[in-house]
C-alpha atoms as a PDB file:
ATOM      1  CA  MET A   1     -78.470  86.983 -58.285  1.00  0.00           C
ATOM      2  CA  PRO A   2     -81.621  88.222 -55.594  1.00  0.00           C
ATOM      3  CA  SER A   3     -82.147  91.705 -55.351  1.00  0.00           C
ATOM      4  CA  GLY A   4     -79.839  93.188 -52.695  1.00  0.00           C
ATOM      5  CA  TYR A   5     -77.325  90.060 -52.060  1.00  0.00           C
ATOM      6  CA  ASN A   6     -73.819  90.342 -52.215  1.00  0.00           C
ATOM      7  CA  ASN A   7     -71.987  87.523 -52.301  1.00  0.00           C
ATOM      8  CA  PRO A   8     -68.823  88.137 -50.130  1.00  0.00           C
ATOM      9  CA  SER A   9     -65.786  86.712 -52.221  1.00  0.00           C
ATOM     10  CA  LEU A  10     -66.750  89.398 -54.897  1.00  0.00           C
ATOM     11  CA  ASP A  11     -66.205  93.163 -55.432  1.00  0.00           C
ATOM     12  CA  PRO A  12     -69.287  94.922 -55.898  1.00  0.00           C
ATOM     13  CA  ALA A  13     -67.276  97.356 -58.070  1.00  0.00           C
ATOM     14  CA  ASP A  14     -67.075  94.031 -60.463  1.00  0.00           C
ATOM     15  CA  ASN A  15     -70.371  93.602 -61.119  1.00  0.00           C
ATOM     16  CA  ASN A  16     -72.127  93.503 -64.766  1.00  0.00           C
ATOM     17  CA  SER A  17     -68.691  94.127 -66.090  1.00  0.00           C
ATOM     18  CA  LEU A  18     -66.620  92.039 -68.213  1.00  0.00           C
ATOM     19  CA  ALA A  19     -63.563  92.907 -66.543  1.00  0.00           C
ATOM     20  CA  GLY A  20     -64.690  92.374 -63.292  1.00  0.00           C
ATOM     21  CA  SER A  21     -65.809  88.774 -64.509  1.00  0.00           C
ATOM     22  CA  ILE A  22     -62.496  88.152 -65.560  1.00  0.00           C
ATOM     23  CA  ARG A  23     -60.516  89.358 -62.546  1.00  0.00           C
ATOM     24  CA  PHE A  24     -63.400  87.870 -60.394  1.00  0.00           C
ATOM     25  CA  ALA A  25     -62.389  84.426 -62.321  1.00  0.00           C
ATOM     26  CA  TYR A  26     -59.079  84.668 -62.013  1.00  0.00           C
ATOM     27  CA  SER A  27     -59.351  85.343 -58.241  1.00  0.00           C
ATOM     28  CA  LYS A  28     -61.009  82.282 -57.506  1.00  0.00           C
ATOM     29  CA  MET A  29     -58.523  80.138 -59.903  1.00  0.00           C
ATOM     30  CA  MET A  30     -55.556  81.567 -57.719  1.00  0.00           C
ATOM     31  CA  GLN A  31     -57.753  80.648 -54.426  1.00  0.00           C
ATOM     32  CA  LYS A  32     -56.997  77.234 -55.767  1.00  0.00           C
ATOM     33  CA  THR A  33     -53.048  77.935 -56.127  1.00  0.00           C
ATOM     34  CA  ASP A  34     -51.082  77.015 -53.367  1.00  0.00           C
ATOM     35  CA  GLY A  35     -47.640  79.141 -53.267  1.00  0.00           C
ATOM     36  CA  MET A  36     -46.010  80.043 -49.778  1.00  0.00           C
ATOM     37  CA  LEU A  37     -47.629  79.922 -46.635  1.00  0.00           C
ATOM     38  CA  PRO A  38     -45.831  79.721 -42.886  1.00  0.00           C
ATOM     39  CA  ALA A  39     -46.090  76.896 -41.088  1.00  0.00           C
ATOM     40  CA  ARG A  40     -45.670  75.039 -37.609  1.00  0.00           C
ATOM     41  CA  VAL A  41     -44.021  71.412 -36.919  1.00  0.00           C
ATOM     42  CA  ILE A  42     -45.856  68.872 -35.586  1.00  0.00           C
ATOM     43  CA  ALA A  43     -43.312  66.254 -35.729  1.00  0.00           C
ATOM     44  CA  TYR A  44     -39.949  65.671 -37.475  1.00  0.00           C
ATOM     45  CA  ASP A  45     -38.344  62.465 -38.546  1.00  0.00           C
ATOM     46  CA  ARG A  46     -34.875  63.190 -38.857  1.00  0.00           C
ATOM     47  CA  VAL A  47     -33.255  60.246 -40.237  1.00  0.00           C
ATOM     48  CA  GLU A  48     -36.245  60.080 -43.141  1.00  0.00           C
ATOM     49  CA  ASN A  49     -36.090  64.012 -43.285  1.00  0.00           C
ATOM     50  CA  ARG A  50     -39.525  64.604 -43.269  1.00  0.00           C
ATOM     51  CA  VAL A  51     -41.857  67.158 -41.557  1.00  0.00           C
ATOM     52  CA  GLN A  52     -45.880  66.981 -40.345  1.00  0.00           C
ATOM     53  CA  VAL A  53     -46.944  70.540 -40.207  1.00  0.00           C
ATOM     54  CA  GLN A  54     -49.667  72.604 -39.581  1.00  0.00           C
ATOM     55  CA  LEU A  55     -50.263  75.600 -42.156  1.00  0.00           C
ATOM     56  CA  LEU A  56     -50.755  78.803 -39.977  1.00  0.00           C
ATOM     57  CA  ILE A  57     -52.823  80.787 -42.544  1.00  0.00           C
ATOM     58  CA  SER A  58     -56.669  80.097 -42.416  1.00  0.00           C
ATOM     59  CA  LEU A  59     -59.350  79.024 -44.985  1.00  0.00           C
ATOM     60  CA  ILE A  60     -62.352  81.562 -44.579  1.00  0.00           C
ATOM     61  CA  THR A  61     -65.814  80.918 -45.926  1.00  0.00           C
ATOM     62  CA  THR A  62     -68.368  82.898 -48.241  1.00  0.00           C
ATOM     63  CA  SER A  63     -69.864  83.430 -44.355  1.00  0.00           C
ATOM     64  CA  GLY A  64     -66.301  84.935 -42.955  1.00  0.00           C
ATOM     65  CA  ALA A  65     -65.879  81.963 -40.653  1.00  0.00           C
ATOM     66  CA  SER A  66     -62.155  81.141 -40.168  1.00  0.00           C
ATOM     67  CA  VAL A  67     -61.221  77.698 -40.974  1.00  0.00           C
ATOM     68  CA  PRO A  68     -57.983  76.192 -40.039  1.00  0.00           C
ATOM     69  CA  ARG A  69     -56.196  74.165 -43.058  1.00  0.00           C
ATOM     70  CA  GLN A  70     -55.923  70.211 -43.059  1.00  0.00           C
ATOM     71  CA  GLN A  71     -52.109  69.228 -41.582  1.00  0.00           C
ATOM     72  CA  ILE A  72     -49.319  68.122 -43.934  1.00  0.00           C
ATOM     73  CA  ALA A  73     -48.614  64.592 -43.251  1.00  0.00           C
ATOM     74  CA  SER A  74     -44.797  64.268 -44.496  1.00  0.00           C
ATOM     75  CA  VAL A  75     -42.961  67.261 -46.261  1.00  0.00           C
ATOM     76  CA  PRO A  76     -38.991  66.776 -47.066  1.00  0.00           C
ATOM     77  CA  VAL A  77     -36.928  69.394 -45.034  1.00  0.00           C
ATOM     78  CA  PHE A  78     -34.676  71.696 -47.119  1.00  0.00           C
ATOM     79  CA  LEU A  79     -31.435  70.549 -46.455  1.00  0.00           C
ATOM     80  CA  PRO A  80     -28.970  73.065 -47.480  1.00  0.00           C
ATOM     81  CA  GLY A  81     -25.850  71.460 -49.203  1.00  0.00           C
ATOM     82  CA  GLY A  82     -23.312  70.143 -51.706  1.00  0.00           C
ATOM     83  CA  GLY A  83     -20.022  68.484 -52.656  1.00  0.00           C
ATOM     84  CA  GLY A  84     -20.804  65.978 -50.270  1.00  0.00           C
ATOM     85  CA  LEU A  85     -21.321  68.341 -47.194  1.00  0.00           C
ATOM     86  CA  PHE A  86     -24.312  69.476 -45.510  1.00  0.00           C
ATOM     87  CA  LEU A  87     -26.054  71.298 -42.809  1.00  0.00           C
ATOM     88  CA  SER A  88     -28.672  69.583 -40.273  1.00  0.00           C
ATOM     89  CA  PHE A  89     -30.839  71.123 -37.790  1.00  0.00           C
ATOM     90  CA  PRO A  90     -32.538  69.242 -35.094  1.00  0.00           C
ATOM     91  CA  ILE A  91     -36.117  70.897 -35.926  1.00  0.00           C
ATOM     92  CA  ASN A  92     -38.225  70.619 -32.870  1.00  0.00           C
ATOM     93  CA  THR A  93     -42.257  70.242 -32.416  1.00  0.00           C
ATOM     94  CA  GLY A  94     -43.689  73.635 -32.560  1.00  0.00           C
ATOM     95  CA  ASP A  95     -40.611  75.285 -34.450  1.00  0.00           C
ATOM     96  CA  LEU A  96     -41.772  77.413 -37.695  1.00  0.00           C
ATOM     97  CA  GLY A  97     -40.829  77.898 -41.200  1.00  0.00           C
ATOM     98  CA  TRP A  98     -42.444  77.975 -44.608  1.00  0.00           C
ATOM     99  CA  VAL A  99     -44.211  75.497 -47.021  1.00  0.00           C
ATOM    100  CA  LEU A 100     -43.385  76.127 -50.720  1.00  0.00           C
ATOM    101  CA  ALA A 101     -45.579  74.268 -53.341  1.00  0.00           C
ATOM    102  CA  ASN A 102     -43.699  72.836 -56.074  1.00  0.00           C
ATOM    103  CA  ASP A 103     -45.089  73.440 -59.750  1.00  0.00           C
ATOM    104  CA  ARG A 104     -46.039  69.637 -59.989  1.00  0.00           C
ATOM    105  CA  ASP A 105     -46.642  66.620 -58.396  1.00  0.00           C
ATOM    106  CA  ILE A 106     -43.403  65.293 -56.913  1.00  0.00           C
ATOM    107  CA  SER A 107     -43.763  62.145 -55.301  1.00  0.00           C
ATOM    108  CA  ASN A 108     -42.046  59.489 -58.067  1.00  0.00           C
ATOM    109  CA  PHE A 109     -38.853  62.074 -58.008  1.00  0.00           C
ATOM    110  CA  LEU A 110     -38.777  61.639 -53.936  1.00  0.00           C
ATOM    111  CA  SER A 111     -38.995  57.838 -54.742  1.00  0.00           C
ATOM    112  CA  THR A 112     -35.990  57.987 -56.697  1.00  0.00           C
ATOM    113  CA  TYR A 113     -34.205  61.341 -56.808  1.00  0.00           C
ATOM    114  CA  THR A 114     -33.911  60.978 -60.384  1.00  0.00           C
ATOM    115  CA  THR A 115     -35.306  62.672 -63.569  1.00  0.00           C
ATOM    116  CA  SER A 116     -39.444  61.611 -63.377  1.00  0.00           C
ATOM    117  CA  ILE A 117     -42.866  62.470 -64.737  1.00  0.00           C
ATOM    118  CA  PRO A 118     -45.616  63.430 -62.218  1.00  0.00           C
ATOM    119  CA  ASN A 119     -47.835  60.980 -60.906  1.00  0.00           C
ATOM    120  CA  THR A 120     -50.983  63.022 -60.857  1.00  0.00           C
ATOM    121  CA  ASN A 121     -52.163  66.181 -62.657  1.00  0.00           C
ATOM    122  CA  ARG A 122     -51.331  68.121 -59.346  1.00  0.00           C
ATOM    123  CA  ILE A 123     -50.313  71.858 -59.683  1.00  0.00           C
ATOM    124  CA  LYS A 124     -48.971  74.268 -57.446  1.00  0.00           C
ATOM    125  CA  GLN A 125     -50.384  72.040 -54.634  1.00  0.00           C
ATOM    126  CA  PHE A 126     -49.250  71.926 -51.118  1.00  0.00           C
ATOM    127  CA  SER A 127     -49.290  68.037 -51.045  1.00  0.00           C
ATOM    128  CA  ASP A 128     -45.385  68.930 -52.983  1.00  0.00           C
ATOM    129  CA  SER A 129     -44.045  71.033 -50.988  1.00  0.00           C
ATOM    130  CA  VAL A 130     -40.923  71.960 -49.561  1.00  0.00           C
ATOM    131  CA  PHE A 131     -40.861  72.984 -45.700  1.00  0.00           C
ATOM    132  CA  PHE A 132     -38.078  75.672 -44.995  1.00  0.00           C
ATOM    133  CA  PRO A 133     -37.096  76.047 -41.666  1.00  0.00           C
ATOM    134  CA  ASP A 134     -37.402  79.556 -40.164  1.00  0.00           C
ATOM    135  CA  ILE A 135     -36.367  80.801 -36.327  1.00  0.00           C
ATOM    136  CA  MET A 136     -38.284  84.174 -37.407  1.00  0.00           C
ATOM    137  CA  PHE A 137     -38.054  85.262 -33.760  1.00  0.00           C
ATOM    138  CA  GLY A 138     -37.255  85.332 -30.669  1.00  0.00           C
ATOM    139  CA  TYR A 139     -33.188  85.109 -30.741  1.00  0.00           C
ATOM    140  CA  THR A 140     -30.312  87.235 -29.314  1.00  0.00           C
ATOM    141  CA  LEU A 141     -27.736  87.865 -31.742  1.00  0.00           C
ATOM    142  CA  ALA A 142     -24.538  86.496 -30.627  1.00  0.00           C
ATOM    143  CA  PRO A 143     -21.660  89.551 -29.467  1.00  0.00           C
ATOM    144  CA  GLY A 144     -19.489  90.410 -32.830  1.00  0.00           C
ATOM    145  CA  ALA A 145     -22.439  89.238 -34.992  1.00  0.00           C
ATOM    146  CA  ASP A 146     -22.369  92.435 -36.748  1.00  0.00           C
ATOM    147  CA  GLY A 147     -21.351  92.083 -40.138  1.00  0.00           C
ATOM    148  CA  ALA A 148     -20.592  88.213 -39.556  1.00  0.00           C
ATOM    149  CA  VAL A 149     -22.243  84.871 -40.572  1.00  0.00           C
ATOM    150  CA  VAL A 150     -23.257  83.095 -37.403  1.00  0.00           C
ATOM    151  CA  LEU A 151     -24.364  79.649 -36.280  1.00  0.00           C
ATOM    152  CA  GLN A 152     -26.050  80.251 -32.730  1.00  0.00           C
ATOM    153  CA  ASN A 153     -27.929  79.276 -30.460  1.00  0.00           C
ATOM    154  CA  LEU A 154     -31.473  81.448 -29.458  1.00  0.00           C
ATOM    155  CA  ALA A 155     -29.851  82.736 -26.669  1.00  0.00           C
ATOM    156  CA  GLY A 156     -26.391  83.781 -28.153  1.00  0.00           C
ATOM    157  CA  THR A 157     -24.380  81.889 -25.260  1.00  0.00           C
ATOM    158  CA  VAL A 158     -23.224  79.235 -27.763  1.00  0.00           C
ATOM    159  CA  SER A 159     -21.884  80.269 -31.624  1.00  0.00           C
ATOM    160  CA  VAL A 160     -19.592  80.031 -34.354  1.00  0.00           C
ATOM    161  CA  VAL A 161     -18.697  84.342 -35.724  1.00  0.00           C
ATOM    162  CA  VAL A 162     -17.254  84.129 -39.166  1.00  0.00           C
ATOM    163  CA  SER A 163     -16.269  87.741 -40.748  1.00  0.00           C
ATOM    164  CA  ASN A 164     -14.253  89.167 -43.111  1.00  0.00           C
ATOM    165  CA  THR A 165     -11.234  88.820 -41.232  1.00  0.00           C
ATOM    166  CA  ASP A 166     -11.877  86.533 -37.873  1.00  0.00           C
ATOM    167  CA  VAL A 167     -13.334  83.156 -37.252  1.00  0.00           C
ATOM    168  CA  THR A 168     -14.635  83.221 -33.154  1.00  0.00           C
ATOM    169  CA  ILE A 169     -16.177  80.837 -31.016  1.00  0.00           C
ATOM    170  CA  ASN A 170     -18.186  81.176 -28.197  1.00  0.00           C
ATOM    171  CA  SER A 171     -19.014  78.730 -25.527  1.00  0.00           C
ATOM    172  CA  ALA A 172     -20.995  79.118 -22.362  1.00  0.00           C
ATOM    173  CA  THR A 173     -19.721  75.473 -21.237  1.00  0.00           C
ATOM    174  CA  ASN A 174     -17.917  73.157 -23.181  1.00  0.00           C
ATOM    175  CA  VAL A 175     -16.086  72.948 -26.514  1.00  0.00           C
ATOM    176  CA  THR A 176     -14.762  69.442 -27.132  1.00  0.00           C
ATOM    177  CA  ILE A 177     -12.742  68.492 -30.722  1.00  0.00           C
ATOM    178  CA  ASN A 178     -12.826  64.378 -31.652  1.00  0.00           C
ATOM    179  CA  SER A 179     -10.177  63.413 -34.345  1.00  0.00           C
ATOM    180  CA  THR A 180     -10.030  59.775 -35.124  1.00  0.00           C
ATOM    181  CA  ALA A 181      -6.474  60.893 -36.811  1.00  0.00           C
ATOM    182  CA  ASP A 182      -4.012  64.463 -35.945  1.00  0.00           C
ATOM    183  CA  VAL A 183      -5.396  67.794 -34.927  1.00  0.00           C
ATOM    184  CA  VAL A 184      -2.804  70.511 -36.406  1.00  0.00           C
ATOM    185  CA  VAL A 185      -2.948  74.152 -35.802  1.00  0.00           C
ATOM    186  CA  ASN A 186      -0.786  76.584 -37.403  1.00  0.00           C
ATOM    187  CA  ALA A 187      -0.359  80.074 -36.057  1.00  0.00           C
ATOM    188  CA  THR A 188       2.078  83.195 -35.619  1.00  0.00           C
ATOM    189  CA  THR A 189       1.450  83.249 -32.256  1.00  0.00           C
ATOM    190  CA  MET A 190      -0.680  81.146 -29.519  1.00  0.00           C
ATOM    191  CA  THR A 191      -2.374  81.881 -26.611  1.00  0.00           C
ATOM    192  CA  VAL A 192      -4.208  79.678 -24.008  1.00  0.00           C
ATOM    193  CA  ASN A 193      -5.367  80.844 -21.119  1.00  0.00           C
ATOM    194  CA  ALA A 194      -7.077  78.417 -18.700  1.00  0.00           C
ATOM    195  CA  SER A 195      -8.524  80.344 -15.776  1.00  0.00           C
ATOM    196  CA  HIS A 196      -8.650  77.304 -13.298  1.00  0.00           C
ATOM    197  CA  ASN A 197      -6.698  74.029 -14.764  1.00  0.00           C
ATOM    198  CA  LEU A 198      -5.135  73.773 -18.128  1.00  0.00           C
ATOM    199  CA  ASN A 199      -4.734  70.055 -18.949  1.00  0.00           C
ATOM    200  CA  VAL A 200      -2.877  67.702 -21.612  1.00  0.00           C
ATOM    201  CA  ASN A 201      -2.973  64.372 -21.394  1.00  0.00           C
ATOM    202  CA  ALA A 202      -0.994  61.995 -24.276  1.00  0.00           C
ATOM    203  CA  ALA A 203      -1.525  58.307 -24.525  1.00  0.00           C
ATOM    204  CA  ALA A 204       1.387  58.052 -25.797  1.00  0.00           C
ATOM    205  CA  ASN A 205       4.213  60.919 -26.574  1.00  0.00           C
ATOM    206  CA  MET A 206       4.071  64.493 -26.142  1.00  0.00           C
ATOM    207  CA  LEU A 207       6.799  66.079 -27.698  1.00  0.00           C
ATOM    208  CA  PHE A 208       7.147  70.076 -27.423  1.00  0.00           C
ATOM    209  CA  THR A 209       9.506  71.835 -30.460  1.00  0.00           C
ATOM    210  CA  VAL A 210      10.601  75.747 -29.856  1.00  0.00           C
ATOM    211  CA  GLY A 211      12.416  77.467 -32.916  1.00  0.00           C
ATOM    212  CA  SER A 212      13.009  74.080 -34.825  1.00  0.00           C
ATOM    213  CA  GLY A 213      14.583  72.841 -31.586  1.00  0.00           C
ATOM    214  CA  THR A 214      16.994  75.866 -30.900  1.00  0.00           C
ATOM    215  CA  GLY A 215      14.501  78.093 -28.651  1.00  0.00           C
ATOM    216  CA  THR A 216      13.568  78.007 -25.413  1.00  0.00           C
ATOM    217  CA  LEU A 217      10.772  76.412 -23.742  1.00  0.00           C
ATOM    218  CA  GLY A 218       9.774  78.556 -20.824  1.00  0.00           C
ATOM    219  CA  VAL A 219       7.211  77.629 -17.732  1.00  0.00           C
ATOM    220  CA  VAL A 220       6.364  80.206 -15.199  1.00  0.00           C
ATOM    221  CA  GLY A 221       5.471  78.039 -12.075  1.00  0.00           C
ATOM    222  CA  ASN A 222       6.111  74.285 -11.438  1.00  0.00           C
ATOM    223  CA  ILE A 223       5.823  71.415 -13.090  1.00  0.00           C
ATOM    224  CA  LYS A 224       4.530  68.441 -11.776  1.00  0.00           C
ATOM    225  CA  ALA A 225       4.892  64.884 -13.223  1.00  0.00           C
ATOM    226  CA  SER A 226       3.326  61.771 -12.103  1.00  0.00           C
ATOM    227  CA  GLY A 227       5.837  59.912 -13.622  1.00  0.00           C
ATOM    228  CA  THR A 228       9.346  60.760 -14.526  1.00  0.00           C
ATOM    229  CA  ILE A 229      10.641  63.502 -16.621  1.00  0.00           C
ATOM    230  CA  THR A 230      13.832  62.191 -18.377  1.00  0.00           C
ATOM    231  CA  PRO A 231      15.915  65.498 -20.292  1.00  0.00           C
ATOM    232  CA  GLY A 232      17.654  65.121 -23.208  1.00  0.00           C
ATOM    233  CA  ALA A 233      19.828  67.464 -21.805  1.00  0.00           C
ATOM    234  CA  THR A 234      20.014  69.573 -19.205  1.00  0.00           C
ATOM    235  CA  ILE A 235      16.715  71.362 -17.824  1.00  0.00           C
ATOM    236  CA  PRO A 236      17.470  75.241 -17.996  1.00  0.00           C
ATOM    237  CA  PRO A 237      16.190  77.200 -15.179  1.00  0.00           C
ATOM    238  CA  PRO A 238      13.151  78.688 -15.007  1.00  0.00           C
ATOM    239  CA  LEU A 239      12.708  81.999 -16.396  1.00  0.00           C
ATOM    240  CA  PRO A 240      12.823  85.163 -14.284  1.00  0.00           C
END
């Protein structure tokens, strides 16, 4: 090495030292080994569950210049699930996450999803990575989130909050339940509060049973029907 010259990637304390030389060689080897880095989504194919990402930690040349890393064209997205159920998010361009490199080439595995041999000798390369979505920042936790599991939007205005004792659904607009079969609600007490209208529509019959048919269904206010109300017995007077 010329006198007075120092390689920027070499710690001067390692000069003329066997331990330093080994440390430098190991450091250079690790620079060629990929692990995990933050990334930003460029595009997402939800059907194929693949993202195109830009890694957000740049390379640094020996002259100190910053060089952006190349984009990774197709990375599988971590899709938590099991037992025939899974959780999928509508990943958008600009969303953040983490890219984790696998130990070996996984291209053959991604073609068959069965036991496979590596297609190349790649080791710990981002070409064989998985993307983990991560909001990271810019959110407001929903009310009641302390000590609970929360599925929510960024503003916290729409949420499902599950604690050790309660399940709470919050919505700033509509809550819709669709079922092609029965919907059953079992509760000790059920209270429905509507600040405006409460509409219940049935294409066939609507049956209210109180106390196994021996109790009383009380209505405070008026009952209005566009058709005919036919009682099976005398309609009791309204509650006071």
